[in-house]
């Protein structure tokens, strides 16, 4: 999504063990994880801008990340069927050279359809939901089973471009400057 928005990022894996972190709510947990991931990457750099994100689905007051197994993904889809949940994405941007950071959480309501058991089993068998927060995508195969969303579409995919712009502005970084420094090959 950043490349489509004109930025060519270098992707660095943080190595953060997500199981070591907790927070009182889903939104807070995504922010804690995003911040930990960004800090882990920033600690290995001398300069640059680091973006850390983490997404989770809050359904019935419980946080759901990536399912651990196909059976868990099937059970989750049966639980989500016909309900609404909130997809939270924590964002953390660190200006390494300046030693400054900006953070925020984006929230988007997702209304799930009512897929049949055969549709759920077939979808889970593709493997797609095993790699996704909440066990679904809207831009891929899972889009067939999402009735609607209320909020930022990009947030559900994994990063809120409008929110990210505001975080950059908090760090005195403008989009034209980013384009001049990190322009993606068109």
C-alpha atoms as a PDB file:
ATOM      1  CA  UNK A   1       0.000   0.000   0.000  1.00  0.00           C
ATOM      2  CA  UNK A   2       2.879   2.388   0.691  1.00  0.00           C
ATOM      3  CA  UNK A   3       4.312   1.697  -2.759  1.00  0.00           C
ATOM      4  CA  UNK A   4       0.943   2.483  -4.326  1.00  0.00           C
ATOM      5  CA  UNK A   5       0.981   5.732  -2.293  1.00  0.00           C
ATOM      6  CA  UNK A   6       4.371   6.699  -3.735  1.00  0.00           C
ATOM      7  CA  UNK A   7       6.729   5.506  -0.991  1.00  0.00           C
ATOM      8  CA  UNK A   8       9.221   2.651  -1.515  1.00  0.00           C
ATOM      9  CA  UNK A   9       9.879   1.267   1.971  1.00  0.00           C
ATOM     10  CA  UNK A  10      12.556  -1.167   3.011  1.00  0.00           C
ATOM     11  CA  UNK A  11      10.855  -3.928   4.983  1.00  0.00           C
ATOM     12  CA  UNK A  12      12.696  -5.045   8.122  1.00  0.00           C
ATOM     13  CA  UNK A  13      11.266  -7.731  10.399  1.00  0.00           C
ATOM     14  CA  UNK A  14      11.224  -6.632  14.033  1.00  0.00           C
ATOM     15  CA  UNK A  15      11.572 -10.055  15.633  1.00  0.00           C
ATOM     16  CA  UNK A  16       9.224  -8.979  18.452  1.00  0.00           C
ATOM     17  CA  UNK A  17       7.552 -11.864  20.303  1.00  0.00           C
ATOM     18  CA  UNK A  18       3.945 -10.661  20.388  1.00  0.00           C
ATOM     19  CA  UNK A  19       3.039 -13.109  23.144  1.00  0.00           C
ATOM     20  CA  UNK A  20       5.175 -11.149  25.651  1.00  0.00           C
ATOM     21  CA  UNK A  21       2.909  -8.078  25.506  1.00  0.00           C
ATOM     22  CA  UNK A  22      -0.455  -7.271  27.013  1.00  0.00           C
ATOM     23  CA  UNK A  23      -2.765  -4.292  27.415  1.00  0.00           C
ATOM     24  CA  UNK A  24      -6.243  -3.693  28.840  1.00  0.00           C
ATOM     25  CA  UNK A  25      -7.996  -3.430  25.452  1.00  0.00           C
ATOM     26  CA  UNK A  26      -7.573  -4.471  21.839  1.00  0.00           C
ATOM     27  CA  UNK A  27      -6.797  -0.975  20.561  1.00  0.00           C
ATOM     28  CA  UNK A  28      -4.251  -0.440  23.305  1.00  0.00           C
ATOM     29  CA  UNK A  29      -2.642  -3.810  22.587  1.00  0.00           C
ATOM     30  CA  UNK A  30      -2.216  -2.998  18.904  1.00  0.00           C
ATOM     31  CA  UNK A  31      -0.510   0.259  19.858  1.00  0.00           C
ATOM     32  CA  UNK A  32       1.817  -1.468  22.341  1.00  0.00           C
ATOM     33  CA  UNK A  33       2.780  -4.029  19.684  1.00  0.00           C
ATOM     34  CA  UNK A  34       3.221  -1.443  16.918  1.00  0.00           C
ATOM     35  CA  UNK A  35       5.446   0.625  19.204  1.00  0.00           C
ATOM     36  CA  UNK A  36       7.514  -2.385  20.261  1.00  0.00           C
ATOM     37  CA  UNK A  37       8.012  -3.430  16.640  1.00  0.00           C
ATOM     38  CA  UNK A  38       9.005   0.072  15.529  1.00  0.00           C
ATOM     39  CA  UNK A  39      11.390   0.481  18.483  1.00  0.00           C
ATOM     40  CA  UNK A  40      13.048  -2.879  17.783  1.00  0.00           C
ATOM     41  CA  UNK A  41      13.743  -1.882  14.170  1.00  0.00           C
ATOM     42  CA  UNK A  42      14.740   1.696  15.063  1.00  0.00           C
ATOM     43  CA  UNK A  43      17.305   0.398  17.558  1.00  0.00           C
ATOM     44  CA  UNK A  44      19.234  -1.138  14.628  1.00  0.00           C
ATOM     45  CA  UNK A  45      19.354   2.096  12.588  1.00  0.00           C
ATOM     46  CA  UNK A  46      21.201   5.414  12.738  1.00  0.00           C
ATOM     47  CA  UNK A  47      18.622   7.407  10.787  1.00  0.00           C
ATOM     48  CA  UNK A  48      15.457   7.118   8.737  1.00  0.00           C
ATOM     49  CA  UNK A  49      11.769   6.825   9.447  1.00  0.00           C
ATOM     50  CA  UNK A  50      10.423   3.603  10.911  1.00  0.00           C
ATOM     51  CA  UNK A  51       6.772   2.608  10.670  1.00  0.00           C
ATOM     52  CA  UNK A  52       5.487  -0.123  12.960  1.00  0.00           C
ATOM     53  CA  UNK A  53       1.938  -1.462  12.731  1.00  0.00           C
ATOM     54  CA  UNK A  54      -0.098  -4.218  14.284  1.00  0.00           C
ATOM     55  CA  UNK A  55      -3.725  -5.187  13.679  1.00  0.00           C
ATOM     56  CA  UNK A  56      -6.254  -7.191  15.662  1.00  0.00           C
ATOM     57  CA  UNK A  57      -9.976  -7.783  15.464  1.00  0.00           C
ATOM     58  CA  UNK A  58     -12.091  -7.050  18.525  1.00  0.00           C
ATOM     59  CA  UNK A  59     -15.170  -9.267  18.492  1.00  0.00           C
ATOM     60  CA  UNK A  60     -17.486  -9.389  21.479  1.00  0.00           C
ATOM     61  CA  UNK A  61     -14.830  -7.679  23.620  1.00  0.00           C
ATOM     62  CA  UNK A  62     -12.054 -10.153  22.834  1.00  0.00           C
ATOM     63  CA  UNK A  63      -8.897  -9.532  20.774  1.00  0.00           C
ATOM     64  CA  UNK A  64      -8.171 -11.832  17.849  1.00  0.00           C
ATOM     65  CA  UNK A  65      -4.908 -11.854  15.937  1.00  0.00           C
ATOM     66  CA  UNK A  66      -3.846 -14.477  13.432  1.00  0.00           C
ATOM     67  CA  UNK A  67      -5.397 -17.893  14.027  1.00  0.00           C
ATOM     68  CA  UNK A  68      -2.930 -20.557  15.186  1.00  0.00           C
ATOM     69  CA  UNK A  69      -4.435 -23.362  13.090  1.00  0.00           C
ATOM     70  CA  UNK A  70      -7.016 -24.109  10.403  1.00  0.00           C
ATOM     71  CA  UNK A  71      -9.388 -25.437  13.078  1.00  0.00           C
ATOM     72  CA  UNK A  72      -9.103 -22.144  14.975  1.00  0.00           C
ATOM     73  CA  UNK A  73      -9.774 -20.203  11.759  1.00  0.00           C
ATOM     74  CA  UNK A  74     -12.924 -22.250  11.067  1.00  0.00           C
ATOM     75  CA  UNK A  75     -14.159 -21.755  14.640  1.00  0.00           C
ATOM     76  CA  UNK A  76     -13.454 -18.031  14.421  1.00  0.00           C
ATOM     77  CA  UNK A  77     -15.381 -17.682  11.152  1.00  0.00           C
ATOM     78  CA  UNK A  78     -18.345 -19.479  12.678  1.00  0.00           C
ATOM     79  CA  UNK A  79     -18.181 -17.036  15.599  1.00  0.00           C
ATOM     80  CA  UNK A  80     -17.859 -13.954  13.340  1.00  0.00           C
ATOM     81  CA  UNK A  81     -20.633 -14.990  10.961  1.00  0.00           C
ATOM     82  CA  UNK A  82     -23.394 -12.382  10.865  1.00  0.00           C
ATOM     83  CA  UNK A  83     -21.707 -10.174  13.479  1.00  0.00           C
ATOM     84  CA  UNK A  84     -19.777  -6.918  13.511  1.00  0.00           C
ATOM     85  CA  UNK A  85     -16.334  -6.446  14.956  1.00  0.00           C
ATOM     86  CA  UNK A  86     -13.799  -3.651  15.128  1.00  0.00           C
ATOM     87  CA  UNK A  87     -10.467  -3.984  13.361  1.00  0.00           C
ATOM     88  CA  UNK A  88      -7.873  -1.973  15.285  1.00  0.00           C
ATOM     89  CA  UNK A  89      -4.471  -1.092  13.836  1.00  0.00           C
ATOM     90  CA  UNK A  90      -1.833   0.467  16.041  1.00  0.00           C
ATOM     91  CA  UNK A  91       0.591   2.766  14.203  1.00  0.00           C
ATOM     92  CA  UNK A  92       3.959   4.004  15.443  1.00  0.00           C
ATOM     93  CA  UNK A  93       6.285   6.220  13.411  1.00  0.00           C
ATOM     94  CA  UNK A  94       9.798   6.884  14.695  1.00  0.00           C
ATOM     95  CA  UNK A  95      12.156   9.522  13.302  1.00  0.00           C
ATOM     96  CA  UNK A  96      15.362   7.742  14.279  1.00  0.00           C
ATOM     97  CA  UNK A  97      17.771  10.679  13.864  1.00  0.00           C
ATOM     98  CA  UNK A  98      15.522  13.096  15.777  1.00  0.00           C
ATOM     99  CA  UNK A  99      14.650  10.541  18.452  1.00  0.00           C
ATOM    100  CA  UNK A 100      10.958  11.430  18.151  1.00  0.00           C
ATOM    101  CA  UNK A 101       7.904   9.249  17.676  1.00  0.00           C
ATOM    102  CA  UNK A 102       4.197   9.629  17.002  1.00  0.00           C
ATOM    103  CA  UNK A 103       1.545   6.988  17.679  1.00  0.00           C
ATOM    104  CA  UNK A 104      -2.162   6.444  17.114  1.00  0.00           C
ATOM    105  CA  UNK A 105      -4.756   3.726  16.631  1.00  0.00           C
ATOM    106  CA  UNK A 106      -7.195   3.441  13.726  1.00  0.00           C
ATOM    107  CA  UNK A 107     -10.493   1.606  14.181  1.00  0.00           C
ATOM    108  CA  UNK A 108     -12.799   0.298  11.454  1.00  0.00           C
ATOM    109  CA  UNK A 109     -16.073  -1.559  11.984  1.00  0.00           C
ATOM    110  CA  UNK A 110     -16.368  -4.734   9.896  1.00  0.00           C
ATOM    111  CA  UNK A 111     -19.754  -6.359   9.262  1.00  0.00           C
ATOM    112  CA  UNK A 112     -19.337 -10.015   8.418  1.00  0.00           C
ATOM    113  CA  UNK A 113     -21.640 -11.939   6.110  1.00  0.00           C
ATOM    114  CA  UNK A 114     -22.978 -15.387   6.826  1.00  0.00           C
ATOM    115  CA  UNK A 115     -20.877 -17.815   4.813  1.00  0.00           C
ATOM    116  CA  UNK A 116     -21.969 -21.439   4.709  1.00  0.00           C
ATOM    117  CA  UNK A 117     -19.923 -24.138   6.426  1.00  0.00           C
ATOM    118  CA  UNK A 118     -18.700 -25.256   2.993  1.00  0.00           C
ATOM    119  CA  UNK A 119     -17.600 -21.696   2.142  1.00  0.00           C
ATOM    120  CA  UNK A 120     -15.794 -21.346   5.478  1.00  0.00           C
ATOM    121  CA  UNK A 121     -14.002 -24.687   5.087  1.00  0.00           C
ATOM    122  CA  UNK A 122     -12.990 -23.934   1.518  1.00  0.00           C
ATOM    123  CA  UNK A 123     -11.797 -20.430   2.418  1.00  0.00           C
ATOM    124  CA  UNK A 124      -9.722 -21.678   5.348  1.00  0.00           C
ATOM    125  CA  UNK A 125      -8.258 -24.431   3.135  1.00  0.00           C
ATOM    126  CA  UNK A 126      -6.762 -21.718   0.883  1.00  0.00           C
ATOM    127  CA  UNK A 127      -4.501 -20.755   3.800  1.00  0.00           C
ATOM    128  CA  UNK A 128      -5.258 -17.042   3.419  1.00  0.00           C
ATOM    129  CA  UNK A 129      -6.976 -16.527   6.793  1.00  0.00           C
ATOM    130  CA  UNK A 130      -4.078 -18.138   8.678  1.00  0.00           C
ATOM    131  CA  UNK A 131      -1.839 -15.165   7.926  1.00  0.00           C
ATOM    132  CA  UNK A 132      -4.336 -12.408   8.733  1.00  0.00           C
ATOM    133  CA  UNK A 133      -5.418 -10.602  11.874  1.00  0.00           C
ATOM    134  CA  UNK A 134      -8.973 -11.685  12.573  1.00  0.00           C
ATOM    135  CA  UNK A 135      -8.652 -14.555  10.041  1.00  0.00           C
ATOM    136  CA  UNK A 136      -9.905 -12.519   7.082  1.00  0.00           C
ATOM    137  CA  UNK A 137      -9.024 -10.104   4.304  1.00  0.00           C
ATOM    138  CA  UNK A 138     -11.217  -7.688   2.412  1.00  0.00           C
ATOM    139  CA  UNK A 139      -8.853  -7.284  -0.512  1.00  0.00           C
ATOM    140  CA  UNK A 140      -8.469 -11.007  -1.137  1.00  0.00           C
ATOM    141  CA  UNK A 141     -10.598 -14.124  -1.007  1.00  0.00           C
ATOM    142  CA  UNK A 142     -12.161 -13.136   2.325  1.00  0.00           C
ATOM    143  CA  UNK A 143     -13.787 -10.102   0.720  1.00  0.00           C
ATOM    144  CA  UNK A 144     -16.609 -12.352  -0.443  1.00  0.00           C
ATOM    145  CA  UNK A 145     -17.672 -12.781   3.179  1.00  0.00           C
ATOM    146  CA  UNK A 146     -17.493  -9.170   4.423  1.00  0.00           C
ATOM    147  CA  UNK A 147     -20.801  -7.341   3.947  1.00  0.00           C
ATOM    148  CA  UNK A 148     -19.520  -3.845   4.689  1.00  0.00           C
ATOM    149  CA  UNK A 149     -17.133  -1.696   6.654  1.00  0.00           C
ATOM    150  CA  UNK A 150     -17.505   1.632   8.413  1.00  0.00           C
ATOM    151  CA  UNK A 151     -14.213   3.520   8.439  1.00  0.00           C
ATOM    152  CA  UNK A 152     -10.908   3.471   6.629  1.00  0.00           C
ATOM    153  CA  UNK A 153     -10.710   0.639   4.079  1.00  0.00           C
ATOM    154  CA  UNK A 154      -6.894   0.772   4.127  1.00  0.00           C
ATOM    155  CA  UNK A 155      -6.888   0.221   7.880  1.00  0.00           C
ATOM    156  CA  UNK A 156      -8.520  -3.167   7.380  1.00  0.00           C
ATOM    157  CA  UNK A 157      -5.829  -4.063   4.859  1.00  0.00           C
ATOM    158  CA  UNK A 158      -3.149  -3.203   7.419  1.00  0.00           C
ATOM    159  CA  UNK A 159      -2.168   0.462   7.464  1.00  0.00           C
ATOM    160  CA  UNK A 160      -4.208   3.654   7.545  1.00  0.00           C
ATOM    161  CA  UNK A 161      -2.672   5.991   4.968  1.00  0.00           C
ATOM    162  CA  UNK A 162      -4.626   9.072   6.236  1.00  0.00           C
ATOM    163  CA  UNK A 163      -3.633   8.370   9.845  1.00  0.00           C
ATOM    164  CA  UNK A 164      -0.037   7.760   8.809  1.00  0.00           C
ATOM    165  CA  UNK A 165       0.005  11.172   7.091  1.00  0.00           C
ATOM    166  CA  UNK A 166      -1.121  12.832  10.332  1.00  0.00           C
ATOM    167  CA  UNK A 167       1.595  10.993  12.282  1.00  0.00           C
ATOM    168  CA  UNK A 168       4.227  12.137   9.792  1.00  0.00           C
ATOM    169  CA  UNK A 169       2.979  15.720  10.163  1.00  0.00           C
ATOM    170  CA  UNK A 170       3.327  15.381  13.965  1.00  0.00           C
ATOM    171  CA  UNK A 171       7.018  14.677  13.248  1.00  0.00           C
ATOM    172  CA  UNK A 172       7.271  17.615  10.792  1.00  0.00           C
ATOM    173  CA  UNK A 173       7.531  15.235   7.826  1.00  0.00           C
ATOM    174  CA  UNK A 174       5.446  16.148   4.780  1.00  0.00           C
ATOM    175  CA  UNK A 175       4.236  13.838   2.039  1.00  0.00           C
ATOM    176  CA  UNK A 176       6.045  15.839  -0.703  1.00  0.00           C
ATOM    177  CA  UNK A 177       9.281  15.464   1.264  1.00  0.00           C
ATOM    178  CA  UNK A 178       8.667  11.702   1.635  1.00  0.00           C
ATOM    179  CA  UNK A 179       8.047  11.425  -2.098  1.00  0.00           C
ATOM    180  CA  UNK A 180      11.325  13.227  -2.786  1.00  0.00           C
ATOM    181  CA  UNK A 181      13.260  10.915  -0.451  1.00  0.00           C
ATOM    182  CA  UNK A 182      11.572   7.551  -0.779  1.00  0.00           C
ATOM    183  CA  UNK A 183       9.817   7.682  -4.165  1.00  0.00           C
ATOM    184  CA  UNK A 184       8.631   4.288  -5.332  1.00  0.00           C
ATOM    185  CA  UNK A 185       9.488   3.242  -8.860  1.00  0.00           C
ATOM    186  CA  UNK A 186       6.323   3.757 -10.889  1.00  0.00           C
END
